Amino acid sequence: MEKEAKKVFLERFAHFMAALTVFLKGLSMLDTPDKGAAAFLLMFLSLLFLALALFHGKIEQKIGPLKPVVFALEALVIGIIAFLYWEEGKTYLPYVYWAVFCAYAALAVFSFVKKPTRAV
């Protein structure tokens, strides 16, 4: 696999995993009657992340760099999920989500700061 193709694959994989995680949390929240709206919001956001992952190249051609914004949104939603797990009294799961939140936030910052390289 070429270096650029591997990079694109890993970025899409990260978006798919974020979408899956958010969707599963939304599904688990459907069991609680008073959290139905939040559950549907999380499932909608996961479908949005999935669409952004699938059509990333086409969207970037039309509106410009999208990577920092997507990583920042995913970091925000994963941070909210970490907080929800913390409120539910989960023991170790919130720490894993906080680590993932930090990773996505760092990706957002690095992809925002990184200047595009020109082909020689």
PDB file of N, CA and C in Angstrom:
ATOM      1  N   MET A   1       0.847  -1.174   0.000  1.00  0.00           N
ATOM      2  CA  MET A   1       0.000   0.000   0.000  1.00  0.00           C
ATOM      3  C   MET A   1       0.897   1.242   0.000  1.00  0.00           C
ATOM      4  N   GLU A   2       0.591   2.170  -0.853  1.00  0.00           N
ATOM      5  CA  GLU A   2       1.366   3.405  -0.898  1.00  0.00           C
ATOM      6  C   GLU A   2       1.141   4.211   0.370  1.00  0.00           C
ATOM      7  N   LYS A   3       2.062   5.129   0.618  1.00  0.00           N
ATOM      8  CA  LYS A   3       1.995   5.929   1.843  1.00  0.00           C
ATOM      9  C   LYS A   3       0.727   6.779   1.891  1.00  0.00           C
ATOM     10  N   GLU A   4       0.383   7.428   0.786  1.00  0.00           N
ATOM     11  CA  GLU A   4      -0.808   8.288   0.743  1.00  0.00           C
ATOM     12  C   GLU A   4      -2.087   7.461   0.857  1.00  0.00           C
ATOM     13  N   ALA A   5      -2.129   6.312   0.193  1.00  0.00           N
ATOM     14  CA  ALA A   5      -3.310   5.449   0.269  1.00  0.00           C
ATOM     15  C   ALA A   5      -3.493   4.913   1.679  1.00  0.00           C
ATOM     16  N   LYS A   6      -2.388   4.580   2.344  1.00  0.00           N
ATOM     17  CA  LYS A   6      -2.463   4.098   3.727  1.00  0.00           C
ATOM     18  C   LYS A   6      -2.968   5.197   4.654  1.00  0.00           C
ATOM     19  N   LYS A   7      -2.520   6.431   4.417  1.00  0.00           N
ATOM     20  CA  LYS A   7      -2.959   7.569   5.231  1.00  0.00           C
ATOM     21  C   LYS A   7      -4.460   7.799   5.072  1.00  0.00           C
ATOM     22  N   VAL A   8      -4.948   7.764   3.850  1.00  0.00           N
ATOM     23  CA  VAL A   8      -6.377   7.958   3.583  1.00  0.00           C
ATOM     24  C   VAL A   8      -7.187   6.837   4.234  1.00  0.00           C
ATOM     25  N   PHE A   9      -6.683   5.592   4.118  1.00  0.00           N
ATOM     26  CA  PHE A   9      -7.374   4.461   4.727  1.00  0.00           C
ATOM     27  C   PHE A   9      -7.478   4.632   6.246  1.00  0.00           C
ATOM     28  N   LEU A  10      -6.390   5.030   6.888  1.00  0.00           N
ATOM     29  CA  LEU A  10      -6.393   5.198   8.339  1.00  0.00           C
ATOM     30  C   LEU A  10      -7.310   6.335   8.778  1.00  0.00           C
ATOM     31  N   GLU A  11      -7.359   7.422   8.007  1.00  0.00           N
ATOM     32  CA  GLU A  11      -8.263   8.523   8.339  1.00  0.00           C
ATOM     33  C   GLU A  11      -9.719   8.085   8.221  1.00  0.00           C
ATOM     34  N   ARG A  12     -10.043   7.372   7.154  1.00  0.00           N
ATOM     35  CA  ARG A  12     -11.423   6.891   6.994  1.00  0.00           C
ATOM     36  C   ARG A  12     -11.777   5.889   8.086  1.00  0.00           C
ATOM     37  N   PHE A  13     -10.816   5.027   8.436  1.00  0.00           N
ATOM     38  CA  PHE A  13     -11.058   4.054   9.491  1.00  0.00           C
ATOM     39  C   PHE A  13     -11.356   4.763  10.812  1.00  0.00           C
ATOM     40  N   ALA A  14     -10.624   5.833  11.115  1.00  0.00           N
ATOM     41  CA  ALA A  14     -10.863   6.600  12.344  1.00  0.00           C
ATOM     42  C   ALA A  14     -12.268   7.207  12.336  1.00  0.00           C
ATOM     43  N   HIS A  15     -12.699   7.729  11.194  1.00  0.00           N
ATOM     44  CA  HIS A  15     -14.045   8.305  11.096  1.00  0.00           C
ATOM     45  C   HIS A  15     -15.116   7.221  11.256  1.00  0.00           C
ATOM     46  N   PHE A  16     -14.902   6.054  10.633  1.00  0.00           N
ATOM     47  CA  PHE A  16     -15.866   4.962  10.765  1.00  0.00           C
ATOM     48  C   PHE A  16     -15.963   4.480  12.206  1.00  0.00           C
ATOM     49  N   MET A  17     -14.834   4.372  12.881  1.00  0.00           N
ATOM     50  CA  MET A  17     -14.854   3.921  14.272  1.00  0.00           C
ATOM     51  C   MET A  17     -15.557   4.940  15.173  1.00  0.00           C
ATOM     52  N   ALA A  18     -15.333   6.213  14.921  1.00  0.00           N
ATOM     53  CA  ALA A  18     -16.022   7.248  15.697  1.00  0.00           C
ATOM     54  C   ALA A  18     -17.524   7.176  15.446  1.00  0.00           C
ATOM     55  N   ALA A  19     -17.908   6.999  14.187  1.00  0.00           N
ATOM     56  CA  ALA A  19     -19.333   6.906  13.864  1.00  0.00           C
ATOM     57  C   ALA A  19     -19.962   5.694  14.534  1.00  0.00           C
ATOM     58  N   LEU A  20     -19.271   4.563  14.521  1.00  0.00           N
ATOM     59  CA  LEU A  20     -19.799   3.354  15.140  1.00  0.00           C
ATOM     60  C   LEU A  20     -19.942   3.528  16.648  1.00  0.00           C
ATOM     61  N   THR A  21     -18.949   4.116  17.283  1.00  0.00           N
ATOM     62  CA  THR A  21     -18.983   4.319  18.722  1.00  0.00           C
ATOM     63  C   THR A  21     -20.136   5.233  19.127  1.00  0.00           C
ATOM     64  N   VAL A  22     -20.299   6.325  18.403  1.00  0.00           N
ATOM     65  CA  VAL A  22     -21.367   7.277  18.717  1.00  0.00           C
ATOM     66  C   VAL A  22     -22.733   6.641  18.475  1.00  0.00           C
ATOM     67  N   PHE A  23     -22.861   5.879  17.402  1.00  0.00           N
ATOM     68  CA  PHE A  23     -24.133   5.226  17.099  1.00  0.00           C
ATOM     69  C   PHE A  23     -24.506   4.218  18.188  1.00  0.00           C
ATOM     70  N   LEU A  24     -23.522   3.431  18.638  1.00  0.00           N
ATOM     71  CA  LEU A  24     -23.805   2.443  19.673  1.00  0.00           C
ATOM     72  C   LEU A  24     -24.197   3.098  20.994  1.00  0.00           C
ATOM     73  N   LYS A  25     -23.584   4.220  21.325  1.00  0.00           N
ATOM     74  CA  LYS A  25     -23.971   4.932  22.535  1.00  0.00           C
ATOM     75  C   LYS A  25     -25.399   5.467  22.394  1.00  0.00           C
ATOM     76  N   GLY A  26     -25.743   5.959  21.209  1.00  0.00           N
ATOM     77  CA  GLY A  26     -27.114   6.410  20.966  1.00  0.00           C
ATOM     78  C   GLY A  26     -28.116   5.289  21.115  1.00  0.00           C
ATOM     79  N   LEU A  27     -27.771   4.111  20.593  1.00  0.00           N
ATOM     80  CA  LEU A  27     -28.663   2.960  20.733  1.00  0.00           C
ATOM     81  C   LEU A  27     -28.841   2.567  22.200  1.00  0.00           C
ATOM     82  N   SER A  28     -27.753   2.602  22.944  1.00  0.00           N
ATOM     83  CA  SER A  28     -27.866   2.215  24.354  1.00  0.00           C
ATOM     84  C   SER A  28     -28.685   3.235  25.153  1.00  0.00           C
ATOM     85  N   MET A  29     -28.717   4.483  24.705  1.00  0.00           N
ATOM     86  CA  MET A  29     -29.499   5.507  25.404  1.00  0.00           C
ATOM     87  C   MET A  29     -30.989   5.403  25.101  1.00  0.00           C
ATOM     88  N   LEU A  30     -31.365   4.667  24.065  1.00  0.00           N
ATOM     89  CA  LEU A  30     -32.786   4.516  23.741  1.00  0.00           C
ATOM     90  C   LEU A  30     -33.552   3.761  24.819  1.00  0.00           C
ATOM     91  N   ASP A  31     -32.838   2.971  25.633  1.00  0.00           N
ATOM     92  CA  ASP A  31     -33.495   2.223  26.707  1.00  0.00           C
ATOM     93  C   ASP A  31     -34.031   3.138  27.796  1.00  0.00           C
ATOM     94  N   THR A  32     -33.431   4.309  27.957  1.00  0.00           N
ATOM     95  CA  THR A  32     -33.855   5.244  28.994  1.00  0.00           C
ATOM     96  C   THR A  32     -34.897   6.187  28.404  1.00  0.00           C
ATOM     97  N   PRO A  33     -36.098   6.223  28.963  1.00  0.00           N
ATOM     98  CA  PRO A  33     -37.176   7.013  28.364  1.00  0.00           C
ATOM     99  C   PRO A  33     -36.884   8.518  28.286  1.00  0.00           C
ATOM    100  N   ASP A  34     -36.219   9.076  29.281  1.00  0.00           N
ATOM    101  CA  ASP A  34     -36.009  10.521  29.278  1.00  0.00           C
ATOM    102  C   ASP A  34     -34.800  10.955  28.448  1.00  0.00           C
ATOM    103  N   LYS A  35     -34.095  10.017  27.825  1.00  0.00           N
ATOM    104  CA  LYS A  35     -32.923  10.359  27.019  1.00  0.00           C
ATOM    105  C   LYS A  35     -33.130  10.041  25.541  1.00  0.00           C
ATOM    106  N   GLY A  36     -34.373   9.961  25.117  1.00  0.00           N
ATOM    107  CA  GLY A  36     -34.671   9.619  23.730  1.00  0.00           C
ATOM    108  C   GLY A  36     -34.174  10.652  22.737  1.00  0.00           C
ATOM    109  N   ALA A  37     -34.348  11.926  23.057  1.00  0.00           N
ATOM    110  CA  ALA A  37     -33.908  12.981  22.146  1.00  0.00           C
ATOM    111  C   ALA A  37     -32.391  12.982  21.998  1.00  0.00           C
ATOM    112  N   ALA A  38     -31.686  12.800  23.104  1.00  0.00           N
ATOM    113  CA  ALA A  38     -30.227  12.748  23.049  1.00  0.00           C
ATOM    114  C   ALA A  38     -29.759  11.525  22.265  1.00  0.00           C
ATOM    115  N   ALA A  39     -30.476  10.417  22.408  1.00  0.00           N
ATOM    116  CA  ALA A  39     -30.130   9.197  21.674  1.00  0.00           C
ATOM    117  C   ALA A  39     -30.262   9.423  20.175  1.00  0.00           C
ATOM    118  N   PHE A  40     -31.358  10.032  19.763  1.00  0.00           N
ATOM    119  CA  PHE A  40     -31.550  10.293  18.332  1.00  0.00           C
ATOM    120  C   PHE A  40     -30.533  11.312  17.809  1.00  0.00           C
ATOM    121  N   LEU A  41     -30.162  12.278  18.629  1.00  0.00           N
ATOM    122  CA  LEU A  41     -29.141  13.246  18.234  1.00  0.00           C
ATOM    123  C   LEU A  41     -27.804  12.549  18.020  1.00  0.00           C
ATOM    124  N   LEU A  42     -27.425  11.660  18.920  1.00  0.00           N
ATOM    125  CA  LEU A  42     -26.170  10.928  18.763  1.00  0.00           C
ATOM    126  C   LEU A  42     -26.192  10.033  17.521  1.00  0.00           C
ATOM    127  N   MET A  43     -27.322   9.385  17.275  1.00  0.00           N
ATOM    128  CA  MET A  43     -27.410   8.533  16.085  1.00  0.00           C
ATOM    129  C   MET A  43     -27.361   9.371  14.812  1.00  0.00           C
ATOM    130  N   PHE A  44     -27.978  10.546  14.826  1.00  0.00           N
ATOM    131  CA  PHE A  44     -27.904  11.441  13.671  1.00  0.00           C
ATOM    132  C   PHE A  44     -26.459  11.890  13.440  1.00  0.00           C
ATOM    133  N   LEU A  45     -25.773  12.272  14.515  1.00  0.00           N
ATOM    134  CA  LEU A  45     -24.386  12.700  14.375  1.00  0.00           C
ATOM    135  C   LEU A  45     -23.501  11.569  13.854  1.00  0.00           C
ATOM    136  N   SER A  46     -23.781  10.352  14.276  1.00  0.00           N
ATOM    137  CA  SER A  46     -22.985   9.230  13.780  1.00  0.00           C
ATOM    138  C   SER A  46     -23.206   9.021  12.284  1.00  0.00           C
ATOM    139  N   LEU A  47     -24.421   9.183  11.836  1.00  0.00           N
ATOM    140  CA  LEU A  47     -24.695   9.071  10.399  1.00  0.00           C
ATOM    141  C   LEU A  47     -24.043  10.220   9.629  1.00  0.00           C
ATOM    142  N   LEU A  48     -23.986  11.393  10.236  1.00  0.00           N
ATOM    143  CA  LEU A  48     -23.291  12.523   9.621  1.00  0.00           C
ATOM    144  C   LEU A  48     -21.801  12.233   9.500  1.00  0.00           C
ATOM    145  N   PHE A  49     -21.196  11.683  10.561  1.00  0.00           N
ATOM    146  CA  PHE A  49     -19.776  11.333  10.510  1.00  0.00           C
ATOM    147  C   PHE A  49     -19.515  10.270   9.453  1.00  0.00           C
ATOM    148  N   LEU A  50     -20.426   9.322   9.329  1.00  0.00           N
ATOM    149  CA  LEU A  50     -20.282   8.274   8.327  1.00  0.00           C
ATOM    150  C   LEU A  50     -20.351   8.860   6.920  1.00  0.00           C
ATOM    151  N   ALA A  51     -21.285   9.769   6.698  1.00  0.00           N
ATOM    152  CA  ALA A  51     -21.400  10.411   5.383  1.00  0.00           C
ATOM    153  C   ALA A  51     -20.163  11.250   5.078  1.00  0.00           C
ATOM    154  N   LEU A  52     -19.652  11.955   6.080  1.00  0.00           N
ATOM    155  CA  LEU A  52     -18.438  12.743   5.868  1.00  0.00           C
ATOM    156  C   LEU A  52     -17.248  11.856   5.552  1.00  0.00           C
ATOM    157  N   ALA A  53     -17.190  10.682   6.161  1.00  0.00           N
ATOM    158  CA  ALA A  53     -16.092   9.755   5.873  1.00  0.00           C
ATOM    159  C   ALA A  53     -16.205   9.193   4.460  1.00  0.00           C
ATOM    160  N   LEU A  54     -17.429   8.885   4.050  1.00  0.00           N
ATOM    161  CA  LEU A  54     -17.624   8.297   2.724  1.00  0.00           C
ATOM    162  C   LEU A  54     -17.395   9.307   1.602  1.00  0.00           C
ATOM    163  N   PHE A  55     -17.847  10.528   1.792  1.00  0.00           N
ATOM    164  CA  PHE A  55     -17.790  11.532   0.729  1.00  0.00           C
ATOM    165  C   PHE A  55     -16.786  12.635   1.035  1.00  0.00           C
ATOM    166  N   HIS A  56     -15.766  12.312   1.810  1.00  0.00           N
ATOM    167  CA  HIS A  56     -14.777  13.288   2.254  1.00  0.00           C
ATOM    168  C   HIS A  56     -14.103  14.011   1.079  1.00  0.00           C
ATOM    169  N   GLY A  57     -13.650  13.244   0.102  1.00  0.00           N
ATOM    170  CA  GLY A  57     -12.947  13.831  -1.041  1.00  0.00           C
ATOM    171  C   GLY A  57     -13.820  14.763  -1.858  1.00  0.00           C
ATOM    172  N   LYS A  58     -15.049  14.349  -2.120  1.00  0.00           N
ATOM    173  CA  LYS A  58     -15.961  15.172  -2.921  1.00  0.00           C
ATOM    174  C   LYS A  58     -16.340  16.458  -2.193  1.00  0.00           C
ATOM    175  N   ILE A  59     -16.544  16.353  -0.888  1.00  0.00           N
ATOM    176  CA  ILE A  59     -16.915  17.538  -0.110  1.00  0.00           C
ATOM    177  C   ILE A  59     -15.754  18.521  -0.049  1.00  0.00           C
ATOM    178  N   GLU A  60     -14.523  17.998   0.132  1.00  0.00           N
ATOM    179  CA  GLU A  60     -13.354  18.879   0.197  1.00  0.00           C
ATOM    180  C   GLU A  60     -13.118  19.605  -1.122  1.00  0.00           C
ATOM    181  N   GLN A  61     -13.437  18.966  -2.243  1.00  0.00           N
ATOM    182  CA  GLN A  61     -13.283  19.620  -3.544  1.00  0.00           C
ATOM    183  C   GLN A  61     -14.219  20.807  -3.665  1.00  0.00           C
ATOM    184  N   LYS A  62     -15.397  20.718  -3.060  1.00  0.00           N
ATOM    185  CA  LYS A  62     -16.385  21.777  -3.204  1.00  0.00           C
ATOM    186  C   LYS A  62     -16.231  22.900  -2.183  1.00  0.00           C
ATOM    187  N   ILE A  63     -15.915  22.561  -0.924  1.00  0.00           N
ATOM    188  CA  ILE A  63     -15.883  23.618   0.095  1.00  0.00           C
ATOM    189  C   ILE A  63     -14.520  23.830   0.737  1.00  0.00           C
ATOM    190  N   GLY A  64     -13.527  23.032   0.406  1.00  0.00           N
ATOM    191  CA  GLY A  64     -12.189  23.242   0.951  1.00  0.00           C
ATOM    192  C   GLY A  64     -11.851  22.266   2.063  1.00  0.00           C
ATOM    193  N   PRO A  65     -10.779  22.564   2.803  1.00  0.00           N
ATOM    194  CA  PRO A  65     -10.304  21.634   3.842  1.00  0.00           C
ATOM    195  C   PRO A  65     -11.374  21.349   4.892  1.00  0.00           C
ATOM    196  N   LEU A  66     -11.616  20.087   5.120  1.00  0.00           N
ATOM    197  CA  LEU A  66     -12.677  19.661   6.012  1.00  0.00           C
ATOM    198  C   LEU A  66     -12.146  18.862   7.198  1.00  0.00           C
ATOM    199  N   LYS A  67     -10.932  18.338   7.059  1.00  0.00           N
ATOM    200  CA  LYS A  67     -10.379  17.429   8.057  1.00  0.00           C
ATOM    201  C   LYS A  67     -10.343  18.003   9.471  1.00  0.00           C
ATOM    202  N   PRO A  68      -9.832  19.234   9.687  1.00  0.00           N
ATOM    203  CA  PRO A  68      -9.791  19.744  11.069  1.00  0.00           C
ATOM    204  C   PRO A  68     -11.176  19.891  11.696  1.00  0.00           C
ATOM    205  N   VAL A  69     -12.141  20.300  10.910  1.00  0.00           N
ATOM    206  CA  VAL A  69     -13.496  20.493  11.426  1.00  0.00           C
ATOM    207  C   VAL A  69     -14.119  19.158  11.822  1.00  0.00           C
ATOM    208  N   VAL A  70     -13.931  18.147  10.990  1.00  0.00           N
ATOM    209  CA  VAL A  70     -14.506  16.837  11.280  1.00  0.00           C
ATOM    210  C   VAL A  70     -13.876  16.245  12.535  1.00  0.00           C
ATOM    211  N   PHE A  71     -12.544  16.315  12.637  1.00  0.00           N
ATOM    212  CA  PHE A  71     -11.884  15.783  13.824  1.00  0.00           C
ATOM    213  C   PHE A  71     -12.307  16.547  15.077  1.00  0.00           C
ATOM    214  N   ALA A  72     -12.496  17.854  14.972  1.00  0.00           N
ATOM    215  CA  ALA A  72     -12.928  18.647  16.129  1.00  0.00           C
ATOM    216  C   ALA A  72     -14.343  18.257  16.554  1.00  0.00           C
ATOM    217  N   LEU A  73     -15.247  18.066  15.594  1.00  0.00           N
ATOM    218  CA  LEU A  73     -16.616  17.643  15.922  1.00  0.00           C
ATOM    219  C   LEU A  73     -16.640  16.253  16.551  1.00  0.00           C
ATOM    220  N   GLU A  74     -15.832  15.345  15.984  1.00  0.00           N
ATOM    221  CA  GLU A  74     -15.770  14.007  16.563  1.00  0.00           C
ATOM    222  C   GLU A  74     -15.194  14.052  17.977  1.00  0.00           C
ATOM    223  N   ALA A  75     -14.184  14.888  18.198  1.00  0.00           N
ATOM    224  CA  ALA A  75     -13.611  15.025  19.537  1.00  0.00           C
ATOM    225  C   ALA A  75     -14.665  15.549  20.511  1.00  0.00           C
ATOM    226  N   LEU A  76     -15.431  16.529  20.091  1.00  0.00           N
ATOM    227  CA  LEU A  76     -16.470  17.092  20.949  1.00  0.00           C
ATOM    228  C   LEU A  76     -17.507  16.039  21.335  1.00  0.00           C
ATOM    229  N   VAL A  77     -17.981  15.291  20.364  1.00  0.00           N
ATOM    230  CA  VAL A  77     -19.013  14.289  20.630  1.00  0.00           C
ATOM    231  C   VAL A  77     -18.450  13.164  21.500  1.00  0.00           C
ATOM    232  N   ILE A  78     -17.227  12.743  21.254  1.00  0.00           N
ATOM    233  CA  ILE A  78     -16.629  11.686  22.072  1.00  0.00           C
ATOM    234  C   ILE A  78     -16.380  12.195  23.489  1.00  0.00           C
ATOM    235  N   GLY A  79     -16.031  13.458  23.647  1.00  0.00           N
ATOM    236  CA  GLY A  79     -15.899  14.035  24.980  1.00  0.00           C
ATOM    237  C   GLY A  79     -17.223  14.052  25.720  1.00  0.00           C
ATOM    238  N   ILE A  80     -18.302  14.347  25.010  1.00  0.00           N
ATOM    239  CA  ILE A  80     -19.639  14.316  25.621  1.00  0.00           C
ATOM    240  C   ILE A  80     -19.992  12.890  26.047  1.00  0.00           C
ATOM    241  N   ILE A  81     -19.655  11.920  25.216  1.00  0.00           N
ATOM    242  CA  ILE A  81     -19.922  10.524  25.570  1.00  0.00           C
ATOM    243  C   ILE A  81     -19.110  10.121  26.799  1.00  0.00           C
ATOM    244  N   ALA A  82     -17.863  10.577  26.879  1.00  0.00           N
ATOM    245  CA  ALA A  82     -17.049  10.282  28.061  1.00  0.00           C
ATOM    246  C   ALA A  82     -17.708  10.859  29.308  1.00  0.00           C
ATOM    247  N   PHE A  83     -18.213  12.076  29.194  1.00  0.00           N
ATOM    248  CA  PHE A  83     -18.905  12.692  30.328  1.00  0.00           C
ATOM    249  C   PHE A  83     -20.159  11.910  30.691  1.00  0.00           C
ATOM    250  N   LEU A  84     -20.909  11.436  29.701  1.00  0.00           N
ATOM    251  CA  LEU A  84     -22.116  10.650  29.974  1.00  0.00           C
ATOM    252  C   LEU A  84     -21.771   9.356  30.700  1.00  0.00           C
ATOM    253  N   TYR A  85     -20.703   8.693  30.273  1.00  0.00           N
ATOM    254  CA  TYR A  85     -20.284   7.477  30.968  1.00  0.00           C
ATOM    255  C   TYR A  85     -19.847   7.790  32.393  1.00  0.00           C
ATOM    256  N   TRP A  86     -19.193   8.935  32.586  1.00  0.00           N
ATOM    257  CA  TRP A  86     -18.767   9.348  33.910  1.00  0.00           C
ATOM    258  C   TRP A  86     -19.992   9.558  34.815  1.00  0.00           C
ATOM    259  N   GLU A  87     -21.017  10.210  34.258  1.00  0.00           N
ATOM    260  CA  GLU A  87     -22.249  10.457  35.016  1.00  0.00           C
ATOM    261  C   GLU A  87     -23.002   9.167  35.327  1.00  0.00           C
ATOM    262  N   GLU A  88     -22.873   8.172  34.455  1.00  0.00           N
ATOM    263  CA  GLU A  88     -23.542   6.895  34.682  1.00  0.00           C
ATOM    264  C   GLU A  88     -22.830   6.061  35.742  1.00  0.00           C
ATOM    265  N   GLY A  89     -21.655   6.501  36.161  1.00  0.00           N
ATOM    266  CA  GLY A  89     -20.924   5.787  37.194  1.00  0.00           C
ATOM    267  C   GLY A  89     -20.045   4.666  36.683  1.00  0.00           C
ATOM    268  N   LYS A  90     -19.755   4.657  35.398  1.00  0.00           N
ATOM    269  CA  LYS A  90     -18.853   3.647  34.857  1.00  0.00           C
ATOM    270  C   LYS A  90     -17.462   3.855  35.461  1.00  0.00           C
ATOM    271  N   THR A  91     -16.733   2.774  35.661  1.00  0.00           N
ATOM    272  CA  THR A  91     -15.464   2.865  36.373  1.00  0.00           C
ATOM    273  C   THR A  91     -14.304   3.260  35.465  1.00  0.00           C
ATOM    274  N   TYR A  92     -14.020   2.453  34.444  1.00  0.00           N
ATOM    275  CA  TYR A  92     -12.827   2.687  33.624  1.00  0.00           C
ATOM    276  C   TYR A  92     -13.135   3.195  32.224  1.00  0.00           C
ATOM    277  N   LEU A  93     -14.331   2.979  31.745  1.00  0.00           N
ATOM    278  CA  LEU A  93     -14.691   3.370  30.387  1.00  0.00           C
ATOM    279  C   LEU A  93     -14.530   4.864  30.112  1.00  0.00           C
ATOM    280  N   PRO A  94     -14.871   5.752  31.042  1.00  0.00           N
ATOM    281  CA  PRO A  94     -14.671   7.177  30.753  1.00  0.00           C
ATOM    282  C   PRO A  94     -13.215   7.546  30.474  1.00  0.00           C
ATOM    283  N   TYR A  95     -12.284   6.867  31.128  1.00  0.00           N
ATOM    284  CA  TYR A  95     -10.867   7.169  30.907  1.00  0.00           C
ATOM    285  C   TYR A  95     -10.442   6.818  29.484  1.00  0.00           C
ATOM    286  N   VAL A  96     -10.984   5.720  28.973  1.00  0.00           N
ATOM    287  CA  VAL A  96     -10.684   5.345  27.592  1.00  0.00           C
ATOM    288  C   VAL A  96     -11.232   6.404  26.637  1.00  0.00           C
ATOM    289  N   TYR A  97     -12.438   6.854  26.897  1.00  0.00           N
ATOM    290  CA  TYR A  97     -13.039   7.880  26.041  1.00  0.00           C
ATOM    291  C   TYR A  97     -12.316   9.217  26.170  1.00  0.00           C
ATOM    292  N   TRP A  98     -11.827   9.548  27.371  1.00  0.00           N
ATOM    293  CA  TRP A  98     -11.054  10.794  27.514  1.00  0.00           C
ATOM    294  C   TRP A  98      -9.765  10.696  26.709  1.00  0.00           C
ATOM    295  N   ALA A  99      -9.133   9.509  26.678  1.00  0.00           N
ATOM    296  CA  ALA A  99      -7.918   9.327  25.881  1.00  0.00           C
ATOM    297  C   ALA A  99      -8.224   9.484  24.393  1.00  0.00           C
ATOM    298  N   VAL A 100      -9.343   8.909  23.961  1.00  0.00           N
ATOM    299  CA  VAL A 100      -9.740   9.047  22.552  1.00  0.00           C
ATOM    300  C   VAL A 100     -10.083  10.505  22.238  1.00  0.00           C
ATOM    301  N   PHE A 101     -10.742  11.177  23.177  1.00  0.00           N
ATOM    302  CA  PHE A 101     -11.038  12.600  23.010  1.00  0.00           C
ATOM    303  C   PHE A 101      -9.750  13.394  22.804  1.00  0.00           C
ATOM    304  N   CYS A 102      -8.740  13.126  23.629  1.00  0.00           N
ATOM    305  CA  CYS A 102      -7.455  13.832  23.505  1.00  0.00           C
ATOM    306  C   CYS A 102      -6.795  13.546  22.156  1.00  0.00           C
ATOM    307  N   ALA A 103      -6.878  12.294  21.700  1.00  0.00           N
ATOM    308  CA  ALA A 103      -6.289  11.938  20.412  1.00  0.00           C
ATOM    309  C   ALA A 103      -6.988  12.671  19.264  1.00  0.00           C
ATOM    310  N   TYR A 104      -8.300  12.696  19.280  1.00  0.00           N
ATOM    311  CA  TYR A 104      -9.037  13.389  18.214  1.00  0.00           C
ATOM    312  C   TYR A 104      -8.819  14.904  18.274  1.00  0.00           C
ATOM    313  N   ALA A 105      -8.739  15.453  19.481  1.00  0.00           N
ATOM    314  CA  ALA A 105      -8.467  16.887  19.606  1.00  0.00           C
ATOM    315  C   ALA A 105      -7.078  17.208  19.073  1.00  0.00           C
ATOM    316  N   ALA A 106      -6.100  16.353  19.367  1.00  0.00           N
ATOM    317  CA  ALA A 106      -4.749  16.562  18.838  1.00  0.00           C
ATOM    318  C   ALA A 106      -4.735  16.448  17.320  1.00  0.00           C
ATOM    319  N   LEU A 107      -5.463  15.480  16.781  1.00  0.00           N
ATOM    320  CA  LEU A 107      -5.557  15.361  15.320  1.00  0.00           C
ATOM    321  C   LEU A 107      -6.177  16.612  14.703  1.00  0.00           C
ATOM    322  N   ALA A 108      -7.187  17.146  15.354  1.00  0.00           N
ATOM    323  CA  ALA A 108      -7.823  18.364  14.838  1.00  0.00           C
ATOM    324  C   ALA A 108      -6.836  19.520  14.836  1.00  0.00           C
ATOM    325  N   VAL A 109      -6.096  19.682  15.919  1.00  0.00           N
ATOM    326  CA  VAL A 109      -5.128  20.787  16.010  1.00  0.00           C
ATOM    327  C   VAL A 109      -4.014  20.594  14.993  1.00  0.00           C
ATOM    328  N   PHE A 110      -3.460  19.381  14.921  1.00  0.00           N
ATOM    329  CA  PHE A 110      -2.351  19.143  13.988  1.00  0.00           C
ATOM    330  C   PHE A 110      -2.779  19.290  12.534  1.00  0.00           C
ATOM    331  N   SER A 111      -3.983  18.840  12.199  1.00  0.00           N
ATOM    332  CA  SER A 111      -4.425  18.977  10.808  1.00  0.00           C
ATOM    333  C   SER A 111      -4.794  20.420  10.486  1.00  0.00           C
ATOM    334  N   PHE A 112      -5.132  21.220  11.503  1.00  0.00           N
ATOM    335  CA  PHE A 112      -5.409  22.632  11.275  1.00  0.00           C
ATOM    336  C   PHE A 112      -4.113  23.422  11.090  1.00  0.00           C
ATOM    337  N   VAL A 113      -3.110  23.083  11.894  1.00  0.00           N
ATOM    338  CA  VAL A 113      -1.840  23.813  11.868  1.00  0.00           C
ATOM    339  C   VAL A 113      -0.984  23.408  10.674  1.00  0.00           C
ATOM    340  N   LYS A 114      -1.068  22.139  10.275  1.00  0.00           N
ATOM    341  CA  LYS A 114      -0.227  21.634   9.193  1.00  0.00           C
ATOM    342  C   LYS A 114      -0.546  22.341   7.888  1.00  0.00           C
ATOM    343  N   LYS A 115       0.494  22.821   7.256  1.00  0.00           N
ATOM    344  CA  LYS A 115       0.321  23.481   5.969  1.00  0.00           C
ATOM    345  C   LYS A 115       0.394  22.428   4.862  1.00  0.00           C
ATOM    346  N   PRO A 116      -0.429  22.568   3.833  1.00  0.00           N
ATOM    347  CA  PRO A 116      -0.382  21.591   2.740  1.00  0.00           C
ATOM    348  C   PRO A 116       0.976  21.640   2.029  1.00  0.00           C
ATOM    349  N   THR A 117       1.475  20.473   1.695  1.00  0.00           N
ATOM    350  CA  THR A 117       2.761  20.399   0.986  1.00  0.00           C
ATOM    351  C   THR A 117       2.512  20.417  -0.504  1.00  0.00           C
ATOM    352  N   ARG A 118       3.473  21.019  -1.203  1.00  0.00           N
ATOM    353  CA  ARG A 118       3.370  21.088  -2.665  1.00  0.00           C
ATOM    354  C   ARG A 118       4.186  19.972  -3.290  1.00  0.00           C
ATOM    355  N   ALA A 119       3.690  19.434  -4.368  1.00  0.00           N
ATOM    356  CA  ALA A 119       4.451  18.427  -5.098  1.00  0.00           C
ATOM    357  C   ALA A 119       5.583  19.101  -5.854  1.00  0.00           C
ATOM    358  N   VAL A 120       6.731  18.453  -5.850  1.00  0.00           N
ATOM    359  CA  VAL A 120       7.912  19.048  -6.513  1.00  0.00           C
ATOM    360  C   VAL A 120       8.009  18.542  -7.917  1.00  0.00           C
TER     361      VAL A 120
END
